[in-house]
């Protein structure tokens, strides 16, 4: 199953067309895309047997984030071996470094992003998991049952803000407006042949800068859910950025940063793509 946020309304994507959920369910489910996670099991049961009307074409520019207002945004760092190596850090053993991105940074999949002046803005393609049912002290074996679905994310990062000062400011440096695009769709785990092994790729101006598979994650999605839930309850609609592979601008020699006019395209197999264009602050 694929769902999306089309102009602020929850839609099912059927054969590439959008079916408005509130209208198709005669009001049983609200139009608000974030609200569906509070009724995720009921929604899945309805969607599996509903007789849906014909959908309408989808304009990617009208898509918003499939989880636009989560209560918690959790991000894992150093969760690919090659990225840990290029960053100069040892591999995490029991838990990856964890930080947040603030909710005002979330946007949909096709956006213009204003570059902070004088900054070093970097790219980080990531698989993003959205929680469907509350998870607290769950095992890795049962964790997929708490995941509503997967989507594409970019953990855009302003490295000067992130790293300067007496202590790093990861959350601030990664939370400028537009620095957390996610989408285009949320895809349920059962829609993949193997949700633990998806190809991901990132380009800047058509040049490939990142390429990997999610099977290379040190802590897989179910392992992350289990380890995070051993500390905090994960709530319906929470968003988890799972980490990025090697190829970020910070790890290059010479280092490389996004500039006005650059186009960043982030693609994950079976889900779709994000497309960001970067503009100077006026």
C-alpha atoms as a PDB file:
ATOM      1  CA  UNK A   1       0.000   0.000   0.000  1.00  0.00           C
ATOM      2  CA  UNK A   2       1.145   3.502  -0.873  1.00  0.00           C
ATOM      3  CA  UNK A   3      -0.241   6.589   0.858  1.00  0.00           C
ATOM      4  CA  UNK A   4       0.584  10.242   0.338  1.00  0.00           C
ATOM      5  CA  UNK A   5      -0.152  13.784   1.406  1.00  0.00           C
ATOM      6  CA  UNK A   6      -1.654  15.597  -1.582  1.00  0.00           C
ATOM      7  CA  UNK A   7      -2.224  19.311  -0.941  1.00  0.00           C
ATOM      8  CA  UNK A   8      -2.654  18.557   2.747  1.00  0.00           C
ATOM      9  CA  UNK A   9      -5.104  15.681   2.274  1.00  0.00           C
ATOM     10  CA  UNK A  10      -4.527  11.986   2.893  1.00  0.00           C
ATOM     11  CA  UNK A  11      -4.676   9.914  -0.298  1.00  0.00           C
ATOM     12  CA  UNK A  12      -4.177   6.315  -1.296  1.00  0.00           C
ATOM     13  CA  UNK A  13      -2.068   5.818  -4.427  1.00  0.00           C
ATOM     14  CA  UNK A  14      -3.669   3.159  -6.627  1.00  0.00           C
ATOM     15  CA  UNK A  15      -2.110   2.424 -10.035  1.00  0.00           C
ATOM     16  CA  UNK A  16      -0.360   5.783  -9.870  1.00  0.00           C
ATOM     17  CA  UNK A  17      -3.573   7.723  -9.188  1.00  0.00           C
ATOM     18  CA  UNK A  18      -4.639   9.449  -5.955  1.00  0.00           C
ATOM     19  CA  UNK A  19      -7.842   8.451  -4.143  1.00  0.00           C
ATOM     20  CA  UNK A  20      -8.993  10.900  -1.452  1.00  0.00           C
ATOM     21  CA  UNK A  21      -9.353   8.875   1.776  1.00  0.00           C
ATOM     22  CA  UNK A  22     -11.862  11.072   3.573  1.00  0.00           C
ATOM     23  CA  UNK A  23     -14.219  11.029   0.609  1.00  0.00           C
ATOM     24  CA  UNK A  24     -13.730   7.341  -0.191  1.00  0.00           C
ATOM     25  CA  UNK A  25     -14.357   6.358   3.459  1.00  0.00           C
ATOM     26  CA  UNK A  26     -17.418   8.656   3.766  1.00  0.00           C
ATOM     27  CA  UNK A  27     -15.675  10.513   6.562  1.00  0.00           C
ATOM     28  CA  UNK A  28     -14.568   7.442   8.533  1.00  0.00           C
ATOM     29  CA  UNK A  29     -10.977   8.671   8.257  1.00  0.00           C
ATOM     30  CA  UNK A  30      -9.967  12.316   8.408  1.00  0.00           C
ATOM     31  CA  UNK A  31      -8.304  14.225   5.595  1.00  0.00           C
ATOM     32  CA  UNK A  32      -5.355  15.113   7.868  1.00  0.00           C
ATOM     33  CA  UNK A  33      -2.395  12.904   6.772  1.00  0.00           C
ATOM     34  CA  UNK A  34      -0.891  12.844  10.276  1.00  0.00           C
ATOM     35  CA  UNK A  35      -4.127  11.696  11.931  1.00  0.00           C
ATOM     36  CA  UNK A  36      -4.177   8.337  10.147  1.00  0.00           C
ATOM     37  CA  UNK A  37      -1.333   6.941  12.274  1.00  0.00           C
ATOM     38  CA  UNK A  38      -3.522   7.095  15.390  1.00  0.00           C
ATOM     39  CA  UNK A  39      -5.870   4.653  13.661  1.00  0.00           C
ATOM     40  CA  UNK A  40      -3.314   2.774  11.616  1.00  0.00           C
ATOM     41  CA  UNK A  41      -4.584  -0.780  12.096  1.00  0.00           C
ATOM     42  CA  UNK A  42      -8.198   0.245  11.437  1.00  0.00           C
ATOM     43  CA  UNK A  43      -7.112   2.184   8.366  1.00  0.00           C
ATOM     44  CA  UNK A  44      -5.119  -0.743   6.951  1.00  0.00           C
ATOM     45  CA  UNK A  45      -8.068  -3.074   7.442  1.00  0.00           C
ATOM     46  CA  UNK A  46     -10.403  -0.644   5.689  1.00  0.00           C
ATOM     47  CA  UNK A  47      -7.997  -0.010   2.793  1.00  0.00           C
ATOM     48  CA  UNK A  48      -7.558  -3.750   2.218  1.00  0.00           C
ATOM     49  CA  UNK A  49     -11.248  -4.319   1.497  1.00  0.00           C
ATOM     50  CA  UNK A  50     -12.570  -0.903   0.396  1.00  0.00           C
ATOM     51  CA  UNK A  51     -14.150  -0.488  -3.033  1.00  0.00           C
ATOM     52  CA  UNK A  52     -12.324   2.622  -4.127  1.00  0.00           C
ATOM     53  CA  UNK A  53     -13.401   5.132  -6.758  1.00  0.00           C
ATOM     54  CA  UNK A  54     -11.140   5.953  -9.684  1.00  0.00           C
ATOM     55  CA  UNK A  55      -8.288   8.205  -8.659  1.00  0.00           C
ATOM     56  CA  UNK A  56      -6.876  11.418 -10.057  1.00  0.00           C
ATOM     57  CA  UNK A  57      -3.416  12.167 -11.478  1.00  0.00           C
ATOM     58  CA  UNK A  58      -0.731  13.160  -8.985  1.00  0.00           C
ATOM     59  CA  UNK A  59       1.273  16.365  -9.466  1.00  0.00           C
ATOM     60  CA  UNK A  60       4.536  15.764  -7.526  1.00  0.00           C
ATOM     61  CA  UNK A  61       4.773  19.494  -6.745  1.00  0.00           C
ATOM     62  CA  UNK A  62       1.536  19.205  -4.713  1.00  0.00           C
ATOM     63  CA  UNK A  63       2.807  16.386  -2.506  1.00  0.00           C
ATOM     64  CA  UNK A  64       3.594  17.121   1.118  1.00  0.00           C
ATOM     65  CA  UNK A  65       5.370  15.002   3.704  1.00  0.00           C
ATOM     66  CA  UNK A  66       3.500  11.744   4.381  1.00  0.00           C
ATOM     67  CA  UNK A  67       4.027  12.387   8.129  1.00  0.00           C
ATOM     68  CA  UNK A  68       3.932  16.192   8.255  1.00  0.00           C
ATOM     69  CA  UNK A  69       3.612  16.788  12.015  1.00  0.00           C
ATOM     70  CA  UNK A  70       5.213  13.980  14.045  1.00  0.00           C
ATOM     71  CA  UNK A  71       5.530  14.295  17.798  1.00  0.00           C
ATOM     72  CA  UNK A  72       9.059  12.910  17.637  1.00  0.00           C
ATOM     73  CA  UNK A  73      11.687  13.002  14.892  1.00  0.00           C
ATOM     74  CA  UNK A  74      14.573  10.687  15.688  1.00  0.00           C
ATOM     75  CA  UNK A  75      17.722  10.507  13.588  1.00  0.00           C
ATOM     76  CA  UNK A  76      20.527   7.944  13.723  1.00  0.00           C
ATOM     77  CA  UNK A  77      24.102   8.862  12.877  1.00  0.00           C
ATOM     78  CA  UNK A  78      27.059   6.720  11.756  1.00  0.00           C
ATOM     79  CA  UNK A  79      24.768   3.844  10.807  1.00  0.00           C
ATOM     80  CA  UNK A  80      26.695   2.803   7.684  1.00  0.00           C
ATOM     81  CA  UNK A  81      30.252   1.559   8.078  1.00  0.00           C
ATOM     82  CA  UNK A  82      31.572   3.538   5.115  1.00  0.00           C
ATOM     83  CA  UNK A  83      30.050   6.796   6.396  1.00  0.00           C
ATOM     84  CA  UNK A  84      31.520   6.253   9.868  1.00  0.00           C
ATOM     85  CA  UNK A  85      34.905   5.710   8.206  1.00  0.00           C
ATOM     86  CA  UNK A  86      34.708   8.854   6.056  1.00  0.00           C
ATOM     87  CA  UNK A  87      33.657  10.832   9.165  1.00  0.00           C
ATOM     88  CA  UNK A  88      36.619   9.541  11.177  1.00  0.00           C
ATOM     89  CA  UNK A  89      34.578   7.820  13.895  1.00  0.00           C
ATOM     90  CA  UNK A  90      34.628   4.312  15.332  1.00  0.00           C
ATOM     91  CA  UNK A  91      31.611   2.122  14.585  1.00  0.00           C
ATOM     92  CA  UNK A  92      28.762   2.312  17.108  1.00  0.00           C
ATOM     93  CA  UNK A  93      28.386  -0.875  19.133  1.00  0.00           C
ATOM     94  CA  UNK A  94      25.166  -0.822  21.152  1.00  0.00           C
ATOM     95  CA  UNK A  95      23.332   2.209  19.720  1.00  0.00           C
ATOM     96  CA  UNK A  96      24.093   4.695  16.946  1.00  0.00           C
ATOM     97  CA  UNK A  97      24.433   8.353  17.918  1.00  0.00           C
ATOM     98  CA  UNK A  98      20.900   9.753  18.145  1.00  0.00           C
ATOM     99  CA  UNK A  99      19.733  13.340  17.604  1.00  0.00           C
ATOM    100  CA  UNK A 100      16.570  15.093  16.443  1.00  0.00           C
ATOM    101  CA  UNK A 101      15.523  17.315  13.589  1.00  0.00           C
ATOM    102  CA  UNK A 102      12.942  19.893  14.631  1.00  0.00           C
ATOM    103  CA  UNK A 103       9.491  19.574  13.099  1.00  0.00           C
ATOM    104  CA  UNK A 104       9.604  22.934  11.297  1.00  0.00           C
ATOM    105  CA  UNK A 105      12.312  21.513   9.001  1.00  0.00           C
ATOM    106  CA  UNK A 106       9.914  18.946   7.471  1.00  0.00           C
ATOM    107  CA  UNK A 107       8.721  19.502   3.912  1.00  0.00           C
ATOM    108  CA  UNK A 108       7.404  17.480   1.008  1.00  0.00           C
ATOM    109  CA  UNK A 109       9.394  15.824  -1.749  1.00  0.00           C
ATOM    110  CA  UNK A 110       9.704  18.658  -4.325  1.00  0.00           C
ATOM    111  CA  UNK A 111      10.939  21.922  -2.841  1.00  0.00           C
ATOM    112  CA  UNK A 112      13.168  24.945  -3.085  1.00  0.00           C
ATOM    113  CA  UNK A 113      15.533  25.158  -0.109  1.00  0.00           C
ATOM    114  CA  UNK A 114      17.023  28.464   0.997  1.00  0.00           C
ATOM    115  CA  UNK A 115      20.718  28.120   1.792  1.00  0.00           C
ATOM    116  CA  UNK A 116      21.884  29.668   5.080  1.00  0.00           C
ATOM    117  CA  UNK A 117      24.292  32.513   4.234  1.00  0.00           C
ATOM    118  CA  UNK A 118      27.960  31.702   4.637  1.00  0.00           C
ATOM    119  CA  UNK A 119      27.237  28.083   5.429  1.00  0.00           C
ATOM    120  CA  UNK A 120      28.482  24.683   4.402  1.00  0.00           C
ATOM    121  CA  UNK A 121      25.293  22.886   3.438  1.00  0.00           C
ATOM    122  CA  UNK A 122      25.589  19.149   2.859  1.00  0.00           C
ATOM    123  CA  UNK A 123      23.415  16.243   1.665  1.00  0.00           C
ATOM    124  CA  UNK A 124      22.567  12.921   3.380  1.00  0.00           C
ATOM    125  CA  UNK A 125      20.105  10.549   1.705  1.00  0.00           C
ATOM    126  CA  UNK A 126      18.318   8.352   4.248  1.00  0.00           C
ATOM    127  CA  UNK A 127      15.666   5.681   4.471  1.00  0.00           C
ATOM    128  CA  UNK A 128      12.954   6.982   6.812  1.00  0.00           C
ATOM    129  CA  UNK A 129      10.622   4.782   8.853  1.00  0.00           C
ATOM    130  CA  UNK A 130       7.283   6.020  10.228  1.00  0.00           C
ATOM    131  CA  UNK A 131       5.783   4.365  13.302  1.00  0.00           C
ATOM    132  CA  UNK A 132       2.252   2.986  12.986  1.00  0.00           C
ATOM    133  CA  UNK A 133       1.560   1.551  16.442  1.00  0.00           C
ATOM    134  CA  UNK A 134       3.120   2.510  19.775  1.00  0.00           C
ATOM    135  CA  UNK A 135       6.377   0.694  20.448  1.00  0.00           C
ATOM    136  CA  UNK A 136       7.963   0.445  23.895  1.00  0.00           C
ATOM    137  CA  UNK A 137      10.363  -2.321  24.870  1.00  0.00           C
ATOM    138  CA  UNK A 138       9.665  -4.245  21.674  1.00  0.00           C
ATOM    139  CA  UNK A 139      11.975  -6.888  20.226  1.00  0.00           C
ATOM    140  CA  UNK A 140      13.642  -6.669  16.836  1.00  0.00           C
ATOM    141  CA  UNK A 141      11.652  -9.732  15.779  1.00  0.00           C
ATOM    142  CA  UNK A 142       8.368  -7.903  16.344  1.00  0.00           C
ATOM    143  CA  UNK A 143       9.486  -4.415  15.343  1.00  0.00           C
ATOM    144  CA  UNK A 144       8.272  -4.450  11.726  1.00  0.00           C
ATOM    145  CA  UNK A 145       4.758  -4.870  13.128  1.00  0.00           C
ATOM    146  CA  UNK A 146       5.047  -1.388  14.650  1.00  0.00           C
ATOM    147  CA  UNK A 147       6.210   0.312  11.436  1.00  0.00           C
ATOM    148  CA  UNK A 148       3.535   1.911   9.262  1.00  0.00           C
ATOM    149  CA  UNK A 149       5.859   2.246   6.302  1.00  0.00           C
ATOM    150  CA  UNK A 150       9.012   3.559   4.695  1.00  0.00           C
ATOM    151  CA  UNK A 151       9.735   6.728   2.769  1.00  0.00           C
ATOM    152  CA  UNK A 152      12.680   8.674   1.343  1.00  0.00           C
ATOM    153  CA  UNK A 153      14.370  11.354   3.441  1.00  0.00           C
ATOM    154  CA  UNK A 154      17.149  13.895   3.177  1.00  0.00           C
ATOM    155  CA  UNK A 155      18.984  14.874   6.344  1.00  0.00           C
ATOM    156  CA  UNK A 156      20.231  18.165   4.902  1.00  0.00           C
ATOM    157  CA  UNK A 157      22.939  19.518   7.201  1.00  0.00           C
ATOM    158  CA  UNK A 158      24.612  22.904   7.680  1.00  0.00           C
ATOM    159  CA  UNK A 159      28.026  21.807   8.880  1.00  0.00           C
ATOM    160  CA  UNK A 160      29.302  25.075  10.398  1.00  0.00           C
ATOM    161  CA  UNK A 161      26.280  25.383  12.684  1.00  0.00           C
ATOM    162  CA  UNK A 162      26.402  21.642  13.376  1.00  0.00           C
ATOM    163  CA  UNK A 163      30.051  21.420  14.374  1.00  0.00           C
ATOM    164  CA  UNK A 164      31.285  24.789  15.671  1.00  0.00           C
ATOM    165  CA  UNK A 165      31.324  25.792  19.320  1.00  0.00           C
ATOM    166  CA  UNK A 166      32.386  24.064  22.502  1.00  0.00           C
ATOM    167  CA  UNK A 167      29.974  21.187  21.738  1.00  0.00           C
ATOM    168  CA  UNK A 168      28.327  20.100  18.466  1.00  0.00           C
ATOM    169  CA  UNK A 169      24.846  21.433  17.684  1.00  0.00           C
ATOM    170  CA  UNK A 170      23.612  18.505  15.557  1.00  0.00           C
ATOM    171  CA  UNK A 171      19.903  19.236  15.913  1.00  0.00           C
ATOM    172  CA  UNK A 172      20.156  22.953  15.119  1.00  0.00           C
ATOM    173  CA  UNK A 173      22.535  22.420  12.206  1.00  0.00           C
ATOM    174  CA  UNK A 174      20.126  19.931  10.662  1.00  0.00           C
ATOM    175  CA  UNK A 175      16.882  21.850  11.221  1.00  0.00           C
ATOM    176  CA  UNK A 176      16.892  24.951   9.038  1.00  0.00           C
ATOM    177  CA  UNK A 177      13.589  25.360   7.139  1.00  0.00           C
ATOM    178  CA  UNK A 178      13.319  22.721   4.413  1.00  0.00           C
ATOM    179  CA  UNK A 179      16.173  20.598   5.786  1.00  0.00           C
ATOM    180  CA  UNK A 180      14.000  17.482   6.264  1.00  0.00           C
ATOM    181  CA  UNK A 181      12.186  16.710   3.009  1.00  0.00           C
ATOM    182  CA  UNK A 182      10.429  13.330   3.080  1.00  0.00           C
ATOM    183  CA  UNK A 183       8.228  11.510   0.563  1.00  0.00           C
ATOM    184  CA  UNK A 184       6.969  11.141  -2.051  1.00  0.00           C
ATOM    185  CA  UNK A 185       4.918   8.252  -0.635  1.00  0.00           C
ATOM    186  CA  UNK A 186       4.774   6.119   2.481  1.00  0.00           C
ATOM    187  CA  UNK A 187       5.055   2.484   1.402  1.00  0.00           C
ATOM    188  CA  UNK A 188       3.998  -0.314   3.771  1.00  0.00           C
ATOM    189  CA  UNK A 189       6.627  -2.993   4.487  1.00  0.00           C
ATOM    190  CA  UNK A 190       4.572  -5.745   2.838  1.00  0.00           C
ATOM    191  CA  UNK A 191       4.838  -3.958  -0.509  1.00  0.00           C
ATOM    192  CA  UNK A 192       8.569  -4.783  -0.777  1.00  0.00           C
ATOM    193  CA  UNK A 193      10.155  -8.108  -1.648  1.00  0.00           C
ATOM    194  CA  UNK A 194      12.591  -7.388   1.201  1.00  0.00           C
ATOM    195  CA  UNK A 195      12.120  -4.154   3.188  1.00  0.00           C
ATOM    196  CA  UNK A 196      15.594  -4.649   4.703  1.00  0.00           C
ATOM    197  CA  UNK A 197      17.383  -4.463   1.330  1.00  0.00           C
ATOM    198  CA  UNK A 198      16.561  -1.420  -0.793  1.00  0.00           C
ATOM    199  CA  UNK A 199      18.839   0.441  -3.202  1.00  0.00           C
ATOM    200  CA  UNK A 200      19.350   4.145  -2.525  1.00  0.00           C
ATOM    201  CA  UNK A 201      21.036   6.779  -4.664  1.00  0.00           C
ATOM    202  CA  UNK A 202      21.686  10.508  -4.462  1.00  0.00           C
ATOM    203  CA  UNK A 203      22.827  12.903  -7.200  1.00  0.00           C
ATOM    204  CA  UNK A 204      23.857  16.549  -7.302  1.00  0.00           C
ATOM    205  CA  UNK A 205      23.289  18.105 -10.734  1.00  0.00           C
ATOM    206  CA  UNK A 206      23.014  14.583 -12.194  1.00  0.00           C
ATOM    207  CA  UNK A 207      26.385  13.529 -10.701  1.00  0.00           C
ATOM    208  CA  UNK A 208      26.083  10.467  -8.475  1.00  0.00           C
ATOM    209  CA  UNK A 209      27.399  11.269  -4.996  1.00  0.00           C
ATOM    210  CA  UNK A 210      25.894   8.455  -2.882  1.00  0.00           C
ATOM    211  CA  UNK A 211      24.937   4.883  -3.746  1.00  0.00           C
ATOM    212  CA  UNK A 212      24.299   2.013  -1.360  1.00  0.00           C
ATOM    213  CA  UNK A 213      21.736  -0.497  -0.102  1.00  0.00           C
ATOM    214  CA  UNK A 214      19.854  -0.447   3.176  1.00  0.00           C
ATOM    215  CA  UNK A 215      21.123  -3.965   3.854  1.00  0.00           C
ATOM    216  CA  UNK A 216      24.413  -2.200   4.664  1.00  0.00           C
ATOM    217  CA  UNK A 217      22.883  -0.477   7.696  1.00  0.00           C
ATOM    218  CA  UNK A 218      24.728  -1.373  10.907  1.00  0.00           C
ATOM    219  CA  UNK A 219      21.424  -1.234  12.804  1.00  0.00           C
ATOM    220  CA  UNK A 220      18.531  -2.253  10.543  1.00  0.00           C
ATOM    221  CA  UNK A 221      15.080  -0.694  10.837  1.00  0.00           C
ATOM    222  CA  UNK A 222      13.833  -3.396  13.248  1.00  0.00           C
ATOM    223  CA  UNK A 223      17.052  -3.172  15.292  1.00  0.00           C
ATOM    224  CA  UNK A 224      16.695   0.624  15.502  1.00  0.00           C
ATOM    225  CA  UNK A 225      13.068   0.368  16.581  1.00  0.00           C
ATOM    226  CA  UNK A 226      13.977  -2.197  19.233  1.00  0.00           C
ATOM    227  CA  UNK A 227      16.941  -0.260  20.621  1.00  0.00           C
ATOM    228  CA  UNK A 228      15.210   3.128  20.560  1.00  0.00           C
ATOM    229  CA  UNK A 229      12.080   1.684  22.161  1.00  0.00           C
ATOM    230  CA  UNK A 230      14.178   0.277  24.994  1.00  0.00           C
ATOM    231  CA  UNK A 231      14.660   3.899  26.091  1.00  0.00           C
ATOM    232  CA  UNK A 232      11.700   5.921  24.777  1.00  0.00           C
ATOM    233  CA  UNK A 233       8.175   5.037  23.696  1.00  0.00           C
ATOM    234  CA  UNK A 234       7.834   5.439  19.924  1.00  0.00           C
ATOM    235  CA  UNK A 235       4.457   6.979  19.128  1.00  0.00           C
ATOM    236  CA  UNK A 236       2.159   6.612  16.109  1.00  0.00           C
ATOM    237  CA  UNK A 237       3.376   8.933  13.369  1.00  0.00           C
ATOM    238  CA  UNK A 238       6.902   9.335  14.773  1.00  0.00           C
ATOM    239  CA  UNK A 239       9.596   9.651  12.107  1.00  0.00           C
ATOM    240  CA  UNK A 240      12.955   7.828  12.229  1.00  0.00           C
ATOM    241  CA  UNK A 241      15.828   8.853   9.928  1.00  0.00           C
ATOM    242  CA  UNK A 242      17.958   5.717   9.785  1.00  0.00           C
ATOM    243  CA  UNK A 243      21.357   7.098   8.705  1.00  0.00           C
ATOM    244  CA  UNK A 244      23.271   7.870   5.524  1.00  0.00           C
ATOM    245  CA  UNK A 245      25.957   6.002   3.543  1.00  0.00           C
ATOM    246  CA  UNK A 246      29.311   7.404   2.428  1.00  0.00           C
ATOM    247  CA  UNK A 247      29.577  10.177  -0.126  1.00  0.00           C
ATOM    248  CA  UNK A 248      28.564  13.297   1.804  1.00  0.00           C
ATOM    249  CA  UNK A 249      30.288  16.592   1.045  1.00  0.00           C
ATOM    250  CA  UNK A 250      31.976  16.749   4.446  1.00  0.00           C
ATOM    251  CA  UNK A 251      33.850  13.510   3.774  1.00  0.00           C
ATOM    252  CA  UNK A 252      35.240  14.524   0.366  1.00  0.00           C
ATOM    253  CA  UNK A 253      38.702  15.832  -0.466  1.00  0.00           C
ATOM    254  CA  UNK A 254      38.280  18.659  -1.189  1.00  0.00           C
ATOM    255  CA  UNK A 255      35.068  19.098   0.747  1.00  0.00           C
ATOM    256  CA  UNK A 256      32.045  20.063  -1.316  1.00  0.00           C
ATOM    257  CA  UNK A 257      28.970  22.084  -0.377  1.00  0.00           C
ATOM    258  CA  UNK A 258      25.635  22.788  -2.015  1.00  0.00           C
ATOM    259  CA  UNK A 259      25.382  26.089  -3.888  1.00  0.00           C
ATOM    260  CA  UNK A 260      22.574  28.208  -5.356  1.00  0.00           C
ATOM    261  CA  UNK A 261      21.182  26.527  -8.469  1.00  0.00           C
ATOM    262  CA  UNK A 262      22.196  23.010  -7.430  1.00  0.00           C
ATOM    263  CA  UNK A 263      19.583  20.250  -7.770  1.00  0.00           C
ATOM    264  CA  UNK A 264      19.656  17.346  -5.319  1.00  0.00           C
ATOM    265  CA  UNK A 265      17.778  14.165  -6.291  1.00  0.00           C
ATOM    266  CA  UNK A 266      17.383  11.348  -3.746  1.00  0.00           C
ATOM    267  CA  UNK A 267      15.921   7.992  -4.806  1.00  0.00           C
ATOM    268  CA  UNK A 268      15.089   4.780  -2.946  1.00  0.00           C
ATOM    269  CA  UNK A 269      14.007   1.623  -4.735  1.00  0.00           C
ATOM    270  CA  UNK A 270      10.278   0.943  -4.553  1.00  0.00           C
ATOM    271  CA  UNK A 271       9.435   4.308  -2.997  1.00  0.00           C
ATOM    272  CA  UNK A 272      10.352   7.150  -5.349  1.00  0.00           C
ATOM    273  CA  UNK A 273      12.409  10.307  -5.319  1.00  0.00           C
ATOM    274  CA  UNK A 274      12.911  13.661  -3.633  1.00  0.00           C
ATOM    275  CA  UNK A 275      13.959  16.665  -5.680  1.00  0.00           C
ATOM    276  CA  UNK A 276      15.418  19.781  -4.015  1.00  0.00           C
ATOM    277  CA  UNK A 277      16.639  22.955  -5.708  1.00  0.00           C
ATOM    278  CA  UNK A 278      18.829  25.263  -3.667  1.00  0.00           C
ATOM    279  CA  UNK A 279      18.484  29.035  -3.734  1.00  0.00           C
ATOM    280  CA  UNK A 280      20.355  31.903  -2.084  1.00  0.00           C
ATOM    281  CA  UNK A 281      18.806  33.789   0.785  1.00  0.00           C
ATOM    282  CA  UNK A 282      17.474  37.172  -0.339  1.00  0.00           C
END
